Amino acid sequence: MSAAQDARAAAEAWRARWPGHAGGVVLVWSGEGYGWKNCLRDAGHERPGALAVDADGNVYRAEGGNDLDGASVWVVV
């Protein structure tokens, strides 16, 4: 599977474990869902390489920045 497909699967599993989070974005790191936000925002709160999957299955990657200060932007995968 591609990174995007893996992220979608992880997000789907996370949403199944946490009902009530049908919208927003699920945050994914190392193939595991680790959190949720109501919308895609604040790339600086995530480390570069983190993925976010929205309710429509769109996947975004946090890029730029560093592990200490967080990423700079979200980029469509």
N, C-alpha and C. Protein backbone atom coordinates (compact mmCIF):
# COMPACT_ATOMS: atom_id res chain seq x y z
N MET A 1 0.84 -1.19 0.00
CA MET A 1 0.00 0.00 0.00
C MET A 1 0.88 1.25 0.00
N SER A 2 0.33 2.32 -0.53
CA SER A 2 1.05 3.59 -0.52
C SER A 2 0.92 4.25 0.85
N ALA A 3 1.72 5.27 1.10
CA ALA A 3 1.65 6.00 2.36
C ALA A 3 0.26 6.59 2.56
N ALA A 4 -0.34 7.09 1.48
CA ALA A 4 -1.68 7.68 1.58
C ALA A 4 -2.71 6.61 1.94
N GLN A 5 -2.60 5.44 1.33
CA GLN A 5 -3.54 4.35 1.64
C GLN A 5 -3.37 3.88 3.08
N ASP A 6 -2.12 3.77 3.52
CA ASP A 6 -1.85 3.38 4.91
C ASP A 6 -2.44 4.40 5.88
N ALA A 7 -2.27 5.68 5.55
CA ALA A 7 -2.80 6.75 6.41
C ALA A 7 -4.32 6.69 6.46
N ARG A 8 -4.96 6.46 5.32
CA ARG A 8 -6.42 6.35 5.30
C ARG A 8 -6.90 5.18 6.17
N ALA A 9 -6.21 4.06 6.08
CA ALA A 9 -6.58 2.88 6.88
C ALA A 9 -6.40 3.18 8.37
N ALA A 10 -5.31 3.85 8.73
CA ALA A 10 -5.07 4.20 10.13
C ALA A 10 -6.13 5.17 10.63
N ALA A 11 -6.51 6.13 9.80
CA ALA A 11 -7.53 7.10 10.18
C ALA A 11 -8.88 6.42 10.36
N GLU A 12 -9.20 5.49 9.48
CA GLU A 12 -10.47 4.76 9.58
C GLU A 12 -10.51 3.96 10.88
N ALA A 13 -9.41 3.31 11.22
CA ALA A 13 -9.35 2.54 12.46
C ALA A 13 -9.47 3.46 13.67
N TRP A 14 -8.81 4.62 13.62
CA TRP A 14 -8.89 5.58 14.73
C TRP A 14 -10.32 6.05 14.92
N ARG A 15 -10.99 6.40 13.83
CA ARG A 15 -12.39 6.88 13.92
C ARG A 15 -13.31 5.78 14.47
N ALA A 16 -13.03 4.52 14.15
CA ALA A 16 -13.83 3.41 14.67
C ALA A 16 -13.67 3.30 16.19
N ARG A 17 -12.47 3.58 16.70
CA ARG A 17 -12.21 3.51 18.14
C ARG A 17 -12.75 4.73 18.89
N TRP A 18 -12.89 5.86 18.18
CA TRP A 18 -13.32 7.11 18.81
C TRP A 18 -14.57 7.64 18.11
N PRO A 19 -15.73 7.06 18.38
CA PRO A 19 -16.97 7.52 17.75
C PRO A 19 -17.21 9.00 18.05
N GLY A 20 -17.91 9.66 17.16
CA GLY A 20 -18.19 11.08 17.35
C GLY A 20 -17.19 11.99 16.68
N HIS A 21 -16.23 11.42 15.99
CA HIS A 21 -15.21 12.20 15.28
C HIS A 21 -15.28 11.93 13.78
N ALA A 22 -16.49 11.98 13.24
CA ALA A 22 -16.69 11.67 11.82
C ALA A 22 -16.09 12.74 10.92
N GLY A 23 -16.13 13.98 11.33
CA GLY A 23 -15.56 15.07 10.53
C GLY A 23 -14.13 15.36 10.95
N GLY A 24 -13.65 16.52 10.60
CA GLY A 24 -12.31 16.93 10.98
C GLY A 24 -11.23 16.09 10.33
N VAL A 25 -10.04 16.09 10.94
CA VAL A 25 -8.91 15.32 10.43
C VAL A 25 -8.34 14.44 11.53
N VAL A 26 -7.94 13.24 11.15
CA VAL A 26 -7.23 12.34 12.06
C VAL A 26 -5.75 12.49 11.77
N LEU A 27 -4.96 12.63 12.81
CA LEU A 27 -3.51 12.77 12.68
C LEU A 27 -2.87 11.39 12.77
N VAL A 28 -1.90 11.13 11.89
CA VAL A 28 -1.28 9.81 11.78
C VAL A 28 0.24 9.95 11.84
N TRP A 29 0.87 9.09 12.63
CA TRP A 29 2.33 9.02 12.71
C TRP A 29 2.74 7.56 12.76
N SER A 30 3.68 7.18 11.94
CA SER A 30 4.19 5.79 11.91
C SER A 30 3.06 4.78 11.75
N GLY A 31 2.09 5.12 10.91
CA GLY A 31 1.02 4.19 10.60
C GLY A 31 -0.07 4.07 11.64
N GLU A 32 -0.04 4.92 12.67
CA GLU A 32 -1.04 4.86 13.74
C GLU A 32 -1.71 6.22 13.92
N GLY A 33 -3.04 6.21 14.06
CA GLY A 33 -3.74 7.44 14.39
C GLY A 33 -3.40 7.85 15.81
N TYR A 34 -3.11 9.14 16.02
CA TYR A 34 -2.75 9.59 17.37
C TYR A 34 -3.55 10.78 17.85
N GLY A 35 -4.40 11.34 17.02
CA GLY A 35 -5.15 12.50 17.48
C GLY A 35 -6.14 12.96 16.44
N TRP A 36 -6.85 14.03 16.79
CA TRP A 36 -7.91 14.55 15.93
C TRP A 36 -7.96 16.07 16.08
N LYS A 37 -8.28 16.75 14.99
CA LYS A 37 -8.54 18.19 15.01
C LYS A 37 -9.82 18.43 14.22
N ASN A 38 -10.54 19.47 14.57
CA ASN A 38 -11.80 19.75 13.87
C ASN A 38 -11.58 20.23 12.45
N CYS A 39 -10.38 20.73 12.14
CA CYS A 39 -10.03 21.13 10.78
C CYS A 39 -8.51 21.10 10.64
N LEU A 40 -8.05 21.14 9.42
CA LEU A 40 -6.61 21.11 9.16
C LEU A 40 -6.04 22.49 9.49
N ARG A 41 -5.21 22.56 10.50
CA ARG A 41 -4.64 23.84 10.95
C ARG A 41 -3.38 23.57 11.77
N ASP A 42 -2.69 24.62 12.10
CA ASP A 42 -1.57 24.56 13.04
C ASP A 42 -0.52 23.51 12.71
N ALA A 43 0.07 23.60 11.53
CA ALA A 43 1.14 22.65 11.17
C ALA A 43 2.27 22.71 12.19
N GLY A 44 2.47 23.85 12.81
CA GLY A 44 3.52 24.02 13.80
C GLY A 44 3.32 23.21 15.07
N HIS A 45 2.13 22.64 15.25
CA HIS A 45 1.88 21.78 16.41
C HIS A 45 2.20 20.33 16.13
N GLU A 46 2.58 20.02 14.88
CA GLU A 46 2.90 18.64 14.50
C GLU A 46 4.34 18.57 14.01
N ARG A 47 4.96 17.41 14.14
CA ARG A 47 6.33 17.27 13.65
C ARG A 47 6.31 17.00 12.15
N PRO A 48 7.36 17.40 11.45
CA PRO A 48 7.43 17.13 10.02
C PRO A 48 7.29 15.63 9.74
N GLY A 49 6.50 15.31 8.73
CA GLY A 49 6.25 13.92 8.37
C GLY A 49 4.94 13.38 8.89
N ALA A 50 4.32 14.10 9.84
CA ALA A 50 3.00 13.68 10.31
C ALA A 50 2.00 13.79 9.16
N LEU A 51 1.01 12.92 9.17
CA LEU A 51 -0.02 12.94 8.14
C LEU A 51 -1.35 13.29 8.77
N ALA A 52 -2.23 13.89 7.98
CA ALA A 52 -3.59 14.19 8.42
C ALA A 52 -4.54 13.70 7.34
N VAL A 53 -5.60 13.04 7.75
CA VAL A 53 -6.59 12.49 6.82
C VAL A 53 -7.94 13.10 7.15
N ASP A 54 -8.55 13.77 6.17
CA ASP A 54 -9.86 14.37 6.43
C ASP A 54 -10.97 13.35 6.17
N ALA A 55 -12.20 13.76 6.44
CA ALA A 55 -13.35 12.85 6.34
C ALA A 55 -13.61 12.38 4.91
N ASP A 56 -13.10 13.12 3.92
CA ASP A 56 -13.26 12.72 2.52
C ASP A 56 -12.12 11.83 2.03
N GLY A 57 -11.15 11.53 2.90
CA GLY A 57 -10.03 10.68 2.53
C GLY A 57 -8.85 11.42 1.94
N ASN A 58 -8.91 12.75 1.92
CA ASN A 58 -7.76 13.52 1.45
C ASN A 58 -6.64 13.43 2.48
N VAL A 59 -5.40 13.30 2.01
CA VAL A 59 -4.26 13.11 2.90
C VAL A 59 -3.31 14.29 2.73
N TYR A 60 -2.81 14.78 3.86
CA TYR A 60 -1.89 15.92 3.90
C TYR A 60 -0.68 15.52 4.73
N ARG A 61 0.50 16.05 4.36
CA ARG A 61 1.74 15.78 5.10
C ARG A 61 2.27 17.10 5.66
N ALA A 62 2.67 17.08 6.92
CA ALA A 62 3.31 18.24 7.54
C ALA A 62 4.75 18.29 7.04
N GLU A 63 5.15 19.43 6.50
CA GLU A 63 6.51 19.56 5.95
C GLU A 63 7.18 20.83 6.43
N GLY A 64 8.50 20.85 6.26
CA GLY A 64 9.30 22.00 6.67
C GLY A 64 9.47 22.00 8.18
N GLY A 65 10.12 23.00 8.69
CA GLY A 65 10.32 23.10 10.13
C GLY A 65 11.22 22.02 10.67
N ASN A 66 11.03 21.68 11.95
CA ASN A 66 11.85 20.66 12.60
C ASN A 66 11.06 20.04 13.75
N ASP A 67 11.62 18.99 14.33
CA ASP A 67 10.91 18.28 15.40
C ASP A 67 10.67 19.15 16.62
N LEU A 68 11.56 20.09 16.89
CA LEU A 68 11.42 20.94 18.08
C LEU A 68 10.36 22.02 17.89
N ASP A 69 10.41 22.70 16.76
CA ASP A 69 9.51 23.83 16.53
C ASP A 69 8.25 23.46 15.75
N GLY A 70 8.17 22.25 15.27
CA GLY A 70 7.02 21.81 14.49
C GLY A 70 7.20 22.07 13.01
N ALA A 71 6.25 21.58 12.24
CA ALA A 71 6.29 21.74 10.78
C ALA A 71 5.92 23.16 10.39
N SER A 72 6.15 23.48 9.12
CA SER A 72 5.82 24.82 8.61
C SER A 72 4.49 24.86 7.89
N VAL A 73 4.19 23.81 7.12
CA VAL A 73 2.99 23.82 6.27
C VAL A 73 2.42 22.41 6.14
N TRP A 74 1.15 22.36 5.72
CA TRP A 74 0.52 21.11 5.29
C TRP A 74 0.55 21.07 3.78
N VAL A 75 0.92 19.93 3.20
CA VAL A 75 1.01 19.75 1.76
C VAL A 75 0.14 18.55 1.37
N VAL A 76 -0.61 18.68 0.28
CA VAL A 76 -1.44 17.58 -0.20
C VAL A 76 -0.55 16.43 -0.65
N VAL A 77 -0.90 15.21 -0.24
CA VAL A 77 -0.13 14.02 -0.65
C VAL A 77 -0.74 13.47 -1.92
